[in-house]
Amino acid sequence: MDNDIKKCYHKGDKRDKAIPLNKKYSRIVRKIFARPERADIKWNEVESLILNLGGIIKEGSGSRKRFCLNNTRSTFHEPHPGKELDKGAVKSLRKYLINSGVFNETGSRKL
């Protein structure tokens, strides 16, 4: 396993408050936290959001990707042959973002 994932640290400085997301990332977050779950969220949008939040993404075996964000690790399966997440993956992603402490259950940024 890669050392970055073993350590699972947050890139950048410790932040006292949340940095506002730009319009692109705010739109992605709204889609992730929408009820009922949407099936039109593209995988590349998810990867871009995780990286923008200061996370780390590493290749796993096969189509697996390891995410590390705020000392919280999870493994997700990159969709194929399509590029959109299914509704179950959206639920898992939402739960991961909440558990990592970046968002609350409504999709608002935490401090």
Protein backbone atom coordinates (compact mmCIF):
# COMPACT_ATOMS: atom_id res chain seq x y z
CA MET A 1 0.00 0.00 0.00
CA ASP A 2 1.23 3.47 -0.83
CA ASN A 3 2.64 5.54 2.07
CA ASP A 4 0.28 8.46 1.33
CA ILE A 5 -2.72 6.21 1.83
CA LYS A 6 -1.24 4.54 4.93
CA LYS A 7 -0.76 7.93 6.57
CA CYS A 8 -4.05 9.27 5.16
CA TYR A 9 -3.39 12.89 5.88
CA HIS A 10 -5.08 16.03 4.68
CA LYS A 11 -3.01 17.84 2.06
CA GLY A 12 -2.37 21.45 2.85
CA ASP A 13 -2.58 23.33 6.09
CA LYS A 14 -5.04 22.70 8.87
CA ARG A 15 -7.97 24.97 8.25
CA ASP A 16 -9.85 26.92 10.88
CA LYS A 17 -12.84 27.33 8.63
CA ALA A 18 -14.18 25.87 5.43
CA ILE A 19 -13.04 27.40 2.17
CA PRO A 20 -16.06 28.12 -0.03
CA LEU A 21 -16.50 25.85 -3.02
CA ASN A 22 -16.69 27.41 -6.45
CA LYS A 23 -19.81 27.05 -8.59
CA LYS A 24 -18.64 23.85 -10.30
CA TYR A 25 -17.98 21.98 -7.05
CA SER A 26 -21.10 23.35 -5.36
CA ARG A 27 -23.16 21.91 -8.21
CA ILE A 28 -21.52 18.48 -7.79
CA VAL A 29 -22.16 18.51 -4.03
CA ARG A 30 -25.82 19.43 -4.57
CA LYS A 31 -26.13 16.47 -6.94
CA ILE A 32 -24.51 14.10 -4.40
CA PHE A 33 -26.76 15.23 -1.55
CA ALA A 34 -29.99 15.37 -3.61
CA ARG A 35 -32.89 13.15 -2.58
CA PRO A 36 -33.84 10.88 -4.23
CA GLU A 37 -30.36 9.89 -5.36
CA ARG A 38 -29.36 10.91 -8.85
CA ALA A 39 -27.83 8.60 -11.42
CA ASP A 40 -26.16 11.30 -13.54
CA ILE A 41 -23.06 12.02 -11.44
CA LYS A 42 -19.93 11.40 -13.47
CA TRP A 43 -16.94 9.64 -11.95
CA ASN A 44 -14.49 12.34 -13.08
CA GLU A 45 -16.59 14.94 -11.20
CA VAL A 46 -16.25 12.89 -8.02
CA GLU A 47 -12.49 12.54 -8.40
CA SER A 48 -12.16 16.26 -9.08
CA LEU A 49 -14.22 17.11 -5.97
CA ILE A 50 -12.16 14.84 -3.69
CA LEU A 51 -8.91 16.35 -4.96
CA ASN A 52 -10.28 19.89 -4.59
CA LEU A 53 -11.18 19.15 -0.97
CA GLY A 54 -7.56 18.16 -0.35
CA GLY A 55 -8.01 14.41 -0.61
CA ILE A 56 -5.79 11.73 -2.07
CA ILE A 57 -6.83 9.21 -4.71
CA LYS A 58 -4.79 6.08 -5.38
CA GLU A 59 -5.31 3.25 -7.82
CA GLY A 60 -6.42 -0.03 -6.31
CA SER A 61 -6.69 -3.39 -7.99
CA GLY A 62 -8.95 -3.53 -11.02
CA SER A 63 -11.40 -0.64 -11.05
CA ARG A 64 -11.01 0.17 -7.38
CA LYS A 65 -9.89 3.60 -6.23
CA ARG A 66 -8.79 4.41 -2.69
CA PHE A 67 -9.90 7.77 -1.35
CA CYS A 68 -8.35 9.44 1.66
CA LEU A 69 -9.87 12.64 3.02
CA ASN A 70 -9.38 14.08 6.52
CA ASN A 71 -7.93 10.83 7.91
CA THR A 72 -10.89 8.86 6.57
CA ARG A 73 -10.29 6.11 4.04
CA SER A 74 -12.68 4.37 1.69
CA THR A 75 -12.55 2.31 -1.47
CA PHE A 76 -14.86 2.97 -4.39
CA HIS A 77 -15.36 1.11 -7.64
CA GLU A 78 -14.91 3.22 -10.75
CA PRO A 79 -17.96 2.62 -12.95
CA HIS A 80 -17.50 0.97 -16.31
CA PRO A 81 -18.38 0.76 -19.14
CA GLY A 82 -20.52 3.81 -18.29
CA LYS A 83 -19.09 6.85 -16.53
CA GLU A 84 -21.96 7.62 -14.12
CA LEU A 85 -22.28 6.39 -10.54
CA ASP A 86 -25.27 4.25 -9.72
CA LYS A 87 -27.60 5.29 -6.91
CA GLY A 88 -25.99 2.92 -4.40
CA ALA A 89 -22.55 4.40 -5.07
CA VAL A 90 -23.98 7.91 -4.61
CA LYS A 91 -25.33 6.89 -1.18
CA SER A 92 -21.92 5.47 -0.22
CA LEU A 93 -20.14 8.59 -1.44
CA ARG A 94 -22.52 10.84 0.51
CA LYS A 95 -21.91 8.79 3.67
CA TYR A 96 -18.14 8.98 3.11
CA LEU A 97 -18.20 12.78 2.75
CA ILE A 98 -20.22 13.06 5.97
CA ASN A 99 -17.98 10.63 7.88
CA SER A 100 -14.86 12.44 6.72
CA GLY A 101 -16.19 15.56 8.45
CA VAL A 102 -16.24 17.76 5.36
CA PHE A 103 -20.02 18.04 5.01
CA ASN A 104 -22.98 17.61 7.32
CA GLU A 105 -26.00 15.50 6.41
CA THR A 106 -27.63 18.28 4.42
CA GLY A 107 -24.56 18.85 2.25
CA SER A 108 -23.43 22.06 3.97
CA ARG A 109 -19.72 22.54 4.64
CA LYS A 110 -18.54 21.96 8.18
CA LEU A 111 -15.96 24.16 9.83
